[in-house]
Structures are given as structure tokens and as C-alpha cells.
Amino acid sequence: MKKRKRLLFPALLAMLAVLVSGCNMVRVNEEKDRKIVVAKVNGTEIQKGKLLDQYEQYTSYYGVSEKDEESIKSDILDDLVRQELVRQKAEASGHEINEEIRTQAEEEYEQSVKDYAKSLQERAGEDADKNTDYESQARTEMEESLKSMNMTRDQYIEFLAENLVVQNYVDELTADLAVEEKEISDYYDKELQFQKESPSLASYYSYVQIVTQPASRRVKHILTKLSDEDTAAIEALRKDGKDDEADKLREEKLKGIKAKAEEVLAKVKAGEDFETLLKEYGEDPGMESEENKDGYTMARDASMRKEFLEASFGLKEGETSDLVATDNGYHIIKVYEATEDVVAPLEDVKEDIRNVLINQKKNEKTNELIEQWLKEADIKKYEKRL
């Protein structure tokens, strides 16, 4: 299992994730066990209960196998040590909870209630009941989630307030950071290319949506097929990293079906009906299924042969390809519908990009400072007690 990404405030993130998902958790151990000291940071104790709560939150959201339990708990302990160290530094610099901070924490909590209520109503869709008080429902569910984590609403607001204090301190430490215009344009260009080429991945990993509507193609194709045995042999070579041998074998096998494929292509170019030719000559079983009766609708990173995708996206609506060779055989592709990438101009997303980049710089600088503080601090960890 990959190591968890190091987060400055994983407790807040994990807890918010639980609130949104509505996951239920159980009390993890008896009170005596929860009070066991698992670390000390400059003399301040970290108790096991805090670690166990975060571990339960993590496992409820991500799931953890038994063999990874020890390493995950160790990572959480490291994060708790880092959190406590930053809290101490913030306090020493005069950043403490006051009424203004508590009011801000209250407002954040109330906003999270409203946001969750909105998501409940959106989830209900057309079945949403006008008489249902979704805000009251959201408040109840969030308080139940807090109760399952052994927290009251007031305790959670105090938790939010503590994190706001730390965030204010971090903002002060990183106030000198800035983002240059070239950094923004470079980020835009890099993300634009990534989001065009890999729209499926971009929907998960991109922080700023630059391609607001990815290009797509709806196509049908007439396949002159290699035998299953030939395709399997070619794929086996590729799996072993022998692409040159695979290409050579494919070229050899394609010779045996090229005349037939060219005969069909000639009919297509002569203007004969593509649908009729597809029914008569097509050898792709997928084209015959009810699911694909209107063709394959694809983004640029669809799970299709690379050559097939490149040819499809190289065509405009209504156009037909020449012979396209893949490990399956020869394809003649017709595009029935084509949409191109809809791209947000740089000026429309500049501030969003700036925020992403400044936050990246803040994280980098803060982590560098924490690493230095860790070297200077008096830290004792009792991992055998986990």
C-alpha cells in the first residue's frame, strides 16, 4: 500500500469527509485505553484516544487491510505530532482562540450545514419534497455523525477554531509568497494539454477546470478482423515488452486480410451506404449489441486501441477514415457525431490557478519549517502502545 500523503491538518479533512458521507463509527476502545499516552511534544501529551478516532475516520473513508494497520497508525501518530508542534508554535506567536475566532468557527459550521442540506436536496432530485426541512435533516445527521465520533457540536466548533488559529499562523508565516504571471501561464498550458489528452483522469486530479467540455466522438466502424489467435499472440508479445516483434507479427498477419479490407474500403469510397456495408462486412460483435446500436461514444482517453482513437479524433463529423490498422485488424471508421474541446480562456481561470499555486507554495514552505521544528523539538513517541 502506498504511504498516505502527508497532510498538515488531516484531522479536519477526515472529519469533514465523514460528515459529508454520513459514515457511522463506533467507540474504538475503553476509556482507560484511550488515555494511554502515545507521544509527547515538548512535554505535551498526545493520548491514544485521539489517534484511535482519526484511525477510525480514516478506515471508514478509505478502508485499511489488517497488514497495513500498523503503518497507518504510525503515520497518523506522525501527523498528530506535527499538528501539536504547529499548534505550540502558533500559541507562542500569540495566535490563540478568541471570540472572533469562535464566531468564525460557528459560521463555518453553519455554512457546512447549509451546504450539506443543499446536497441532500440535490440528491433527492425530482423526488425532493417541498415540505421537507432539509436544513433540519442535515443538522440532525451531522450531529449524529459527531456523536459517533464522541464529539458534541460545541467540541467540534472548538476543533474548527483550533484549526483556524493554526491556519492564521500559517498564513502569517507565508505572507511573503507570491505567484508570477509566467507560473500561471505555464500551469495553464500544462493543465490544458493534460485535460485534453486525459479528460477522465483530469476529472479526478485537476484542481482548475480548464477544459469545461471534453471533445468526444460517436463512431461506427467496419472491422476486418484478425483471428483471435493472431490477436492473442500479438498482445502476448506486447505484454512481455516485445513491441518490435509484435509489430512485425501484426504486419505479417494483416497481409492476409488486407485485400478483403481494401475491397470494403473501395465500396465506402464509392458512396455505398455505410450502414449496409457494416451489416454485411463488419466483424466486431460489439457493433451488433443493443448497447452500441448507435455506435461507440468516446473521449480521447477511452479504453480503445490507440490507433483507433487517434483516427477517430482526426476526423470531422460525417467523415470516413482510410484503413486503420490495430492489433484487432483493419478498421474503417465513420464519425456520426463530433464535439471539440470547450476551453476556458486563461483570464477566466487565472485567479483560480493563482490560488492553487499559492497554496502549493504555502504547503511546501510550511512543511520545510515543520521539518526544521521537528529537529529542534523534544519529541517522544511510544509506538509500541498503539
Protein backbone atom coordinates (compact mmCIF):
# COMPACT_ATOMS: atom_id res chain seq x y z
CA MET A 1 0.00 0.00 0.00
CA LYS A 2 1.22 3.48 -0.80
CA LYS A 3 2.11 5.73 2.08
CA ARG A 4 -0.51 8.34 2.90
CA LYS A 5 0.21 11.78 1.61
CA ARG A 6 1.49 13.94 4.44
CA LEU A 7 -1.20 16.45 5.37
CA LEU A 8 -0.89 19.40 7.69
CA PHE A 9 -4.39 19.07 9.05
CA PRO A 10 -5.60 15.51 8.32
CA ALA A 11 -7.95 15.53 11.29
CA LEU A 12 -10.04 18.32 9.83
CA LEU A 13 -10.10 16.77 6.36
CA ALA A 14 -11.01 13.32 7.62
CA MET A 15 -13.72 14.64 9.90
CA LEU A 16 -15.31 16.76 7.21
CA ALA A 17 -15.24 13.77 4.86
CA VAL A 18 -17.11 11.71 7.43
CA LEU A 19 -19.68 14.45 7.93
CA VAL A 20 -20.37 14.69 4.22
CA SER A 21 -20.59 10.94 3.70
CA GLY A 22 -22.62 10.35 6.85
CA CYS A 23 -20.48 7.39 7.83
CA ASN A 24 -21.15 5.89 11.25
CA MET A 25 -18.35 4.89 13.58
CA VAL A 26 -18.24 3.00 16.83
CA ARG A 27 -16.40 3.72 20.02
CA VAL A 28 -12.99 2.20 19.49
CA ASN A 29 -11.88 1.23 22.98
CA GLU A 30 -12.44 1.63 26.69
CA GLU A 31 -11.75 4.94 28.38
CA LYS A 32 -8.66 3.69 30.15
CA ASP A 33 -7.06 2.61 26.87
CA ARG A 34 -7.94 5.93 25.25
CA LYS A 35 -5.99 7.82 27.92
CA ILE A 36 -2.73 5.99 27.24
CA VAL A 37 -0.01 8.47 26.24
CA VAL A 38 1.35 7.62 22.78
CA ALA A 39 3.59 10.67 22.30
CA LYS A 40 4.90 13.81 23.96
CA VAL A 41 5.75 17.02 22.15
CA ASN A 42 7.84 19.36 24.28
CA GLY A 43 6.16 17.77 27.31
CA THR A 44 2.59 18.00 25.98
CA GLU A 45 0.91 14.58 25.89
CA ILE A 46 -0.93 13.06 22.94
CA GLN A 47 -3.38 10.39 24.08
CA LYS A 48 -4.26 7.20 22.27
CA GLY A 49 -7.94 8.10 22.01
CA LYS A 50 -7.18 10.94 19.63
CA LEU A 51 -5.18 8.59 17.40
CA LEU A 52 -7.88 5.90 17.51
CA ASP A 53 -10.58 8.39 16.50
CA GLN A 54 -8.59 9.51 13.49
CA TYR A 55 -7.77 5.92 12.58
CA GLU A 56 -11.47 5.01 12.62
CA GLN A 57 -12.26 8.05 10.48
CA TYR A 58 -9.56 7.07 8.01
CA THR A 59 -10.62 3.42 7.77
CA SER A 60 -14.29 4.35 7.41
CA TYR A 61 -13.48 6.55 4.46
CA TYR A 62 -10.65 4.67 2.73
CA GLY A 63 -10.64 1.16 4.15
CA VAL A 64 -7.48 -0.45 5.53
CA SER A 65 -6.30 -4.06 5.37
CA GLU A 66 -5.07 -5.71 8.55
CA LYS A 67 -1.47 -5.82 7.29
CA ASP A 68 -1.48 -2.03 6.83
CA GLU A 69 -2.96 -1.17 10.24
CA GLU A 70 0.39 -0.65 11.96
CA SER A 71 1.84 1.62 9.27
CA ILE A 72 -1.34 3.72 9.04
CA LYS A 73 -1.44 4.23 12.80
CA SER A 74 2.23 5.18 12.73
CA ASP A 75 1.54 7.74 10.01
CA ILE A 76 -1.37 9.18 11.98
CA LEU A 77 0.83 9.48 15.06
CA ASP A 78 3.40 11.38 13.00
CA ASP A 79 0.66 13.74 11.81
CA LEU A 80 -0.60 14.29 15.36
CA VAL A 81 2.92 15.17 16.47
CA ARG A 82 3.23 17.65 13.62
CA GLN A 83 -0.18 19.18 14.41
CA GLU A 84 0.71 19.62 18.07
CA LEU A 85 4.06 21.14 17.20
CA VAL A 86 2.46 23.69 14.85
CA ARG A 87 -0.19 24.46 17.49
CA GLN A 88 2.52 25.18 20.03
CA LYS A 89 4.37 27.43 17.59
CA ALA A 90 1.15 29.30 16.81
CA GLU A 91 0.40 29.80 20.50
CA ALA A 92 3.94 31.03 21.18
CA SER A 93 3.48 33.61 18.41
CA GLY A 94 0.32 34.98 20.01
CA HIS A 95 -2.24 33.12 17.91
CA GLU A 96 -4.91 31.93 20.32
CA ILE A 97 -8.63 31.21 20.23
CA ASN A 98 -10.71 34.30 20.94
CA GLU A 99 -14.34 35.29 20.44
CA GLU A 100 -13.71 36.39 16.87
CA ILE A 101 -12.20 33.00 16.03
CA ARG A 102 -15.05 31.16 17.75
CA THR A 103 -17.60 33.21 15.82
CA GLN A 104 -15.81 32.37 12.57
CA ALA A 105 -15.82 28.67 13.52
CA GLU A 106 -19.56 28.88 14.26
CA GLU A 107 -20.15 30.47 10.85
CA GLU A 108 -18.14 27.75 9.13
CA TYR A 109 -20.14 25.05 10.88
CA GLU A 110 -23.45 26.69 9.94
CA GLN A 111 -22.29 27.02 6.34
CA SER A 112 -21.40 23.32 6.28
CA VAL A 113 -24.96 22.57 7.48
CA LYS A 114 -26.41 24.65 4.64
CA ASP A 115 -24.08 23.04 2.09
CA TYR A 116 -25.00 19.55 3.27
CA ALA A 117 -28.70 20.43 3.21
CA LYS A 118 -28.32 21.57 -0.39
CA SER A 119 -26.58 18.31 -1.31
CA LEU A 120 -29.40 16.30 0.33
CA GLN A 121 -31.98 18.18 -1.70
CA GLU A 122 -29.99 17.79 -4.93
CA ARG A 123 -29.59 14.08 -4.20
CA ALA A 124 -33.37 13.75 -3.89
CA GLY A 125 -33.71 15.26 -7.37
CA GLU A 126 -37.21 15.14 -8.77
CA ASP A 127 -38.35 13.29 -5.65
CA ALA A 128 -37.43 16.25 -3.42
CA ASP A 129 -40.31 17.03 -1.05
CA LYS A 130 -41.14 20.73 -0.80
CA ASN A 131 -42.33 20.17 2.76
CA THR A 132 -39.07 18.56 3.90
CA ASP A 133 -36.84 20.76 6.05
CA TYR A 134 -33.51 19.67 4.53
CA GLU A 135 -31.52 22.02 6.74
CA SER A 136 -33.00 20.43 9.86
CA GLN A 137 -32.29 16.99 8.41
CA ALA A 138 -28.71 17.97 7.63
CA ARG A 139 -28.19 19.38 11.13
CA THR A 140 -29.50 16.19 12.72
CA GLU A 141 -27.34 13.91 10.56
CA MET A 142 -24.22 15.97 11.22
CA GLU A 143 -24.81 15.95 14.97
CA GLU A 144 -25.35 12.18 14.85
CA SER A 145 -22.04 11.80 12.99
CA LEU A 146 -20.32 13.91 15.62
CA LYS A 147 -21.86 11.82 18.38
CA SER A 148 -20.50 8.67 16.76
CA MET A 149 -17.06 10.30 16.98
CA ASN A 150 -17.55 11.05 20.66
CA MET A 151 -17.92 14.76 19.96
CA THR A 152 -20.60 17.34 20.62
CA ARG A 153 -21.37 20.25 18.35
CA ASP A 154 -19.57 22.62 20.71
CA GLN A 155 -16.49 20.38 20.83
CA TYR A 156 -16.38 20.26 17.05
CA ILE A 157 -16.65 24.04 16.80
CA GLU A 158 -13.75 24.28 19.24
CA PHE A 159 -11.86 21.90 16.98
CA LEU A 160 -12.59 24.16 13.99
CA ALA A 161 -11.46 27.17 15.99
CA GLU A 162 -8.13 25.48 16.80
CA ASN A 163 -7.55 24.83 13.13
CA LEU A 164 -8.44 28.41 12.22
CA VAL A 165 -5.83 29.64 14.69
CA VAL A 166 -3.20 27.41 13.10
CA GLN A 167 -4.26 28.45 9.61
CA ASN A 168 -3.93 32.11 10.54
CA TYR A 169 -0.44 31.39 11.82
CA VAL A 170 0.50 29.58 8.61
CA ASP A 171 -0.87 32.49 6.57
CA GLU A 172 1.35 34.84 8.58
CA LEU A 173 4.42 32.65 8.02
CA THR A 174 3.80 32.51 4.27
CA ALA A 175 2.60 36.08 3.72
CA ASP A 176 5.66 36.89 1.60
CA LEU A 177 4.90 34.25 -1.02
CA ALA A 178 3.76 35.33 -4.48
CA VAL A 179 2.97 33.79 -7.86
CA GLU A 180 4.44 35.15 -11.09
CA GLU A 181 2.38 35.56 -14.25
CA LYS A 182 4.62 33.09 -16.08
CA GLU A 183 3.93 30.45 -13.45
CA ILE A 184 0.22 30.91 -14.06
CA SER A 185 0.52 30.67 -17.84
CA ASP A 186 2.82 27.63 -17.58
CA TYR A 187 0.34 25.90 -15.27
CA TYR A 188 -2.49 26.74 -17.68
CA ASP A 189 -0.64 25.33 -20.71
CA LYS A 190 0.38 22.15 -18.89
CA GLU A 191 -3.10 21.56 -17.49
CA LEU A 192 -4.74 22.33 -20.82
CA GLN A 193 -2.70 19.62 -22.51
CA PHE A 194 -3.36 17.14 -19.69
CA GLN A 195 -7.10 17.81 -19.62
CA LYS A 196 -7.39 17.47 -23.39
CA GLU A 197 -5.42 14.23 -23.54
CA SER A 198 -6.74 12.63 -20.35
CA PRO A 199 -10.22 14.01 -19.57
CA SER A 200 -11.17 11.05 -17.38
CA LEU A 201 -8.12 11.48 -15.14
CA ALA A 202 -8.49 15.26 -15.15
CA SER A 203 -11.97 15.00 -13.66
CA TYR A 204 -10.36 13.47 -10.55
CA TYR A 205 -6.96 15.15 -10.34
CA SER A 206 -7.23 18.64 -11.79
CA TYR A 207 -7.86 21.49 -9.33
CA VAL A 208 -8.87 24.00 -12.00
CA GLN A 209 -11.27 23.04 -14.78
CA ILE A 210 -9.78 24.46 -17.97
CA VAL A 211 -11.40 22.09 -20.47
CA THR A 212 -15.02 22.64 -19.46
CA GLN A 213 -16.38 20.15 -22.01
CA PRO A 214 -14.00 17.46 -23.34
CA ALA A 215 -14.05 16.53 -27.02
CA SER A 216 -15.97 13.40 -27.97
CA ARG A 217 -16.71 11.22 -30.95
CA ARG A 218 -19.59 8.88 -31.71
CA VAL A 219 -18.37 6.42 -34.30
CA LYS A 220 -19.19 3.19 -36.04
CA HIS A 221 -16.63 1.04 -37.78
CA ILE A 222 -16.35 -1.84 -40.17
CA LEU A 223 -13.77 -4.25 -38.80
CA THR A 224 -11.96 -6.76 -40.98
CA LYS A 225 -10.79 -8.96 -38.16
CA LEU A 226 -7.62 -10.88 -37.45
CA SER A 227 -8.19 -14.27 -35.91
CA ASP A 228 -8.50 -14.35 -32.12
CA GLU A 229 -5.34 -16.48 -32.04
CA ASP A 230 -3.34 -13.91 -34.01
CA THR A 231 -4.52 -11.02 -31.81
CA ALA A 232 -3.72 -13.01 -28.68
CA ALA A 233 -0.20 -13.76 -29.95
CA ILE A 234 0.43 -10.09 -30.73
CA GLU A 235 -0.86 -8.97 -27.34
CA ALA A 236 1.28 -11.57 -25.56
CA LEU A 237 4.39 -10.11 -27.16
CA ARG A 238 3.37 -6.59 -26.11
CA LYS A 239 2.77 -7.77 -22.57
CA ASP A 240 6.35 -9.07 -22.49
CA GLY A 241 7.65 -5.70 -23.71
CA LYS A 242 8.47 -7.03 -27.18
CA ASP A 243 6.74 -4.34 -29.21
CA ASP A 244 9.06 -4.63 -32.21
CA GLU A 245 8.28 -8.34 -32.52
CA ALA A 246 4.58 -7.63 -32.01
CA ASP A 247 4.60 -5.01 -34.76
CA LYS A 248 6.38 -7.41 -37.12
CA LEU A 249 3.90 -10.21 -36.41
CA ARG A 250 0.95 -7.84 -36.86
CA GLU A 251 2.26 -6.59 -40.20
CA GLU A 252 2.65 -10.16 -41.36
CA LYS A 253 -0.85 -11.21 -40.28
CA LEU A 254 -2.50 -8.07 -41.68
CA LYS A 255 -1.30 -9.01 -45.16
CA GLY A 256 -3.69 -11.93 -45.11
CA ILE A 257 -6.77 -9.74 -44.64
CA LYS A 258 -5.73 -6.57 -46.46
CA ALA A 259 -7.33 -7.44 -49.81
CA LYS A 260 -10.70 -8.04 -48.15
CA ALA A 261 -10.44 -4.79 -46.17
CA GLU A 262 -9.49 -2.80 -49.29
CA GLU A 263 -12.47 -4.24 -51.13
CA VAL A 264 -14.80 -2.89 -48.44
CA LEU A 265 -12.98 0.45 -48.38
CA ALA A 266 -13.47 0.81 -52.14
CA LYS A 267 -17.22 0.37 -51.66
CA VAL A 268 -17.25 3.00 -48.91
CA LYS A 269 -15.35 5.47 -51.09
CA ALA A 270 -17.70 4.73 -53.97
CA GLY A 271 -20.52 6.09 -51.82
CA GLU A 272 -22.30 2.86 -50.88
CA ASP A 273 -24.38 3.06 -47.70
CA PHE A 274 -22.12 2.67 -44.65
CA GLU A 275 -24.81 1.04 -42.52
CA THR A 276 -25.49 -1.57 -45.17
CA LEU A 277 -21.80 -2.31 -45.59
CA LEU A 278 -21.41 -2.52 -41.80
CA LYS A 279 -24.11 -5.17 -41.56
CA GLU A 280 -22.66 -7.14 -44.48
CA TYR A 281 -18.93 -6.95 -43.72
CA GLY A 282 -18.49 -5.81 -40.12
CA GLU A 283 -16.84 -8.38 -37.83
CA ASP A 284 -16.95 -6.53 -34.49
CA PRO A 285 -19.54 -8.28 -32.24
CA GLY A 286 -19.77 -5.08 -30.20
CA MET A 287 -21.36 -3.25 -33.10
CA GLU A 288 -24.19 -5.77 -33.07
CA SER A 289 -25.14 -5.28 -29.43
CA GLU A 290 -28.14 -3.23 -28.36
CA GLU A 291 -25.88 -1.11 -26.16
CA ASN A 292 -23.81 0.04 -29.15
CA LYS A 293 -26.52 0.22 -31.78
CA ASP A 294 -25.81 3.93 -32.17
CA GLY A 295 -22.05 3.43 -32.17
CA TYR A 296 -19.23 3.96 -29.69
CA THR A 297 -19.19 7.33 -27.89
CA MET A 298 -15.65 8.08 -26.74
CA ALA A 299 -13.44 10.65 -25.08
CA ARG A 300 -9.78 10.92 -26.10
CA ASP A 301 -8.66 8.57 -23.32
CA ALA A 302 -11.33 5.93 -23.77
CA SER A 303 -10.38 2.28 -23.35
CA MET A 304 -9.88 1.69 -27.05
CA ARG A 305 -6.89 0.96 -29.28
CA LYS A 306 -4.63 4.00 -29.55
CA GLU A 307 -4.67 3.94 -33.35
CA PHE A 308 -8.47 3.73 -33.34
CA LEU A 309 -8.78 6.76 -31.04
CA GLU A 310 -6.27 8.84 -32.97
CA ALA A 311 -8.00 8.13 -36.25
CA SER A 312 -11.45 8.86 -34.81
CA PHE A 313 -10.42 12.21 -33.36
CA GLY A 314 -8.63 13.09 -36.58
CA LEU A 315 -11.95 13.00 -38.42
CA LYS A 316 -14.79 15.53 -38.51
CA GLU A 317 -18.47 14.72 -38.28
CA GLY A 318 -19.61 12.73 -41.32
CA GLU A 319 -16.09 11.83 -42.45
CA THR A 320 -14.80 8.30 -43.02
CA SER A 321 -11.28 7.01 -42.49
CA ASP A 322 -8.98 5.00 -44.70
CA LEU A 323 -7.85 1.62 -43.36
CA VAL A 324 -6.75 1.91 -39.74
CA ALA A 325 -4.56 -0.96 -38.55
CA THR A 326 -4.69 -2.17 -34.95
CA ASP A 327 -3.91 -5.46 -33.19
CA ASN A 328 -7.52 -6.46 -33.95
CA GLY A 329 -7.31 -6.00 -37.71
CA TYR A 330 -8.30 -3.25 -40.17
CA HIS A 331 -10.94 -0.66 -39.27
CA ILE A 332 -12.91 1.71 -41.47
CA ILE A 333 -14.28 4.36 -39.13
CA LYS A 334 -17.14 6.77 -39.70
CA VAL A 335 -17.79 9.67 -37.32
CA TYR A 336 -21.50 10.22 -36.71
CA GLU A 337 -21.16 12.97 -34.09
CA ALA A 338 -18.18 15.11 -33.15
CA THR A 339 -17.72 17.70 -30.45
CA GLU A 340 -14.49 19.59 -29.80
CA ASP A 341 -12.92 20.68 -26.53
CA VAL A 342 -14.57 23.68 -24.91
CA VAL A 343 -11.73 25.60 -23.26
CA ALA A 344 -11.91 28.32 -20.61
CA PRO A 345 -9.71 31.32 -21.52
CA LEU A 346 -6.72 31.96 -19.28
CA GLU A 347 -8.24 35.20 -17.99
CA ASP A 348 -11.33 33.32 -16.74
CA VAL A 349 -9.33 30.89 -14.59
CA LYS A 350 -6.27 32.99 -13.73
CA GLU A 351 -7.27 33.66 -10.12
CA ASP A 352 -8.21 30.03 -9.53
CA ILE A 353 -4.79 28.98 -10.79
CA ARG A 354 -3.11 31.64 -8.65
CA ASN A 355 -4.86 30.24 -5.56
CA VAL A 356 -3.76 26.69 -6.40
CA LEU A 357 -0.16 27.75 -6.89
CA ILE A 358 -0.01 29.92 -3.76
CA ASN A 359 -1.44 27.06 -1.70
CA GLN A 360 1.18 24.71 -3.13
CA LYS A 361 3.90 27.16 -2.13
CA LYS A 362 2.38 27.56 1.33
CA ASN A 363 2.36 23.80 1.84
CA GLU A 364 5.97 23.49 0.68
CA LYS A 365 7.22 26.28 2.93
CA THR A 366 5.19 25.10 5.92
CA ASN A 367 6.45 21.54 5.55
CA GLU A 368 10.04 22.82 5.36
CA LEU A 369 9.51 24.78 8.58
CA ILE A 370 7.91 21.81 10.31
CA GLU A 371 10.82 19.57 9.37
CA GLN A 372 13.16 22.11 10.98
CA TRP A 373 10.98 22.39 14.09
CA LEU A 374 10.89 18.60 14.42
CA LYS A 375 14.69 18.57 14.63
CA GLU A 376 14.66 21.19 17.36
CA ALA A 377 11.73 19.84 19.40
CA ASP A 378 11.74 17.36 22.30
CA ILE A 379 9.59 14.59 20.87
CA LYS A 380 8.95 11.17 22.35
CA LYS A 381 6.82 8.57 20.53
CA TYR A 382 5.65 5.34 22.13
CA GLU A 383 4.67 3.32 19.07
CA LYS A 384 4.51 0.01 20.98
CA ARG A 385 1.45 1.45 22.76
CA LEU A 386 -0.51 1.87 19.53
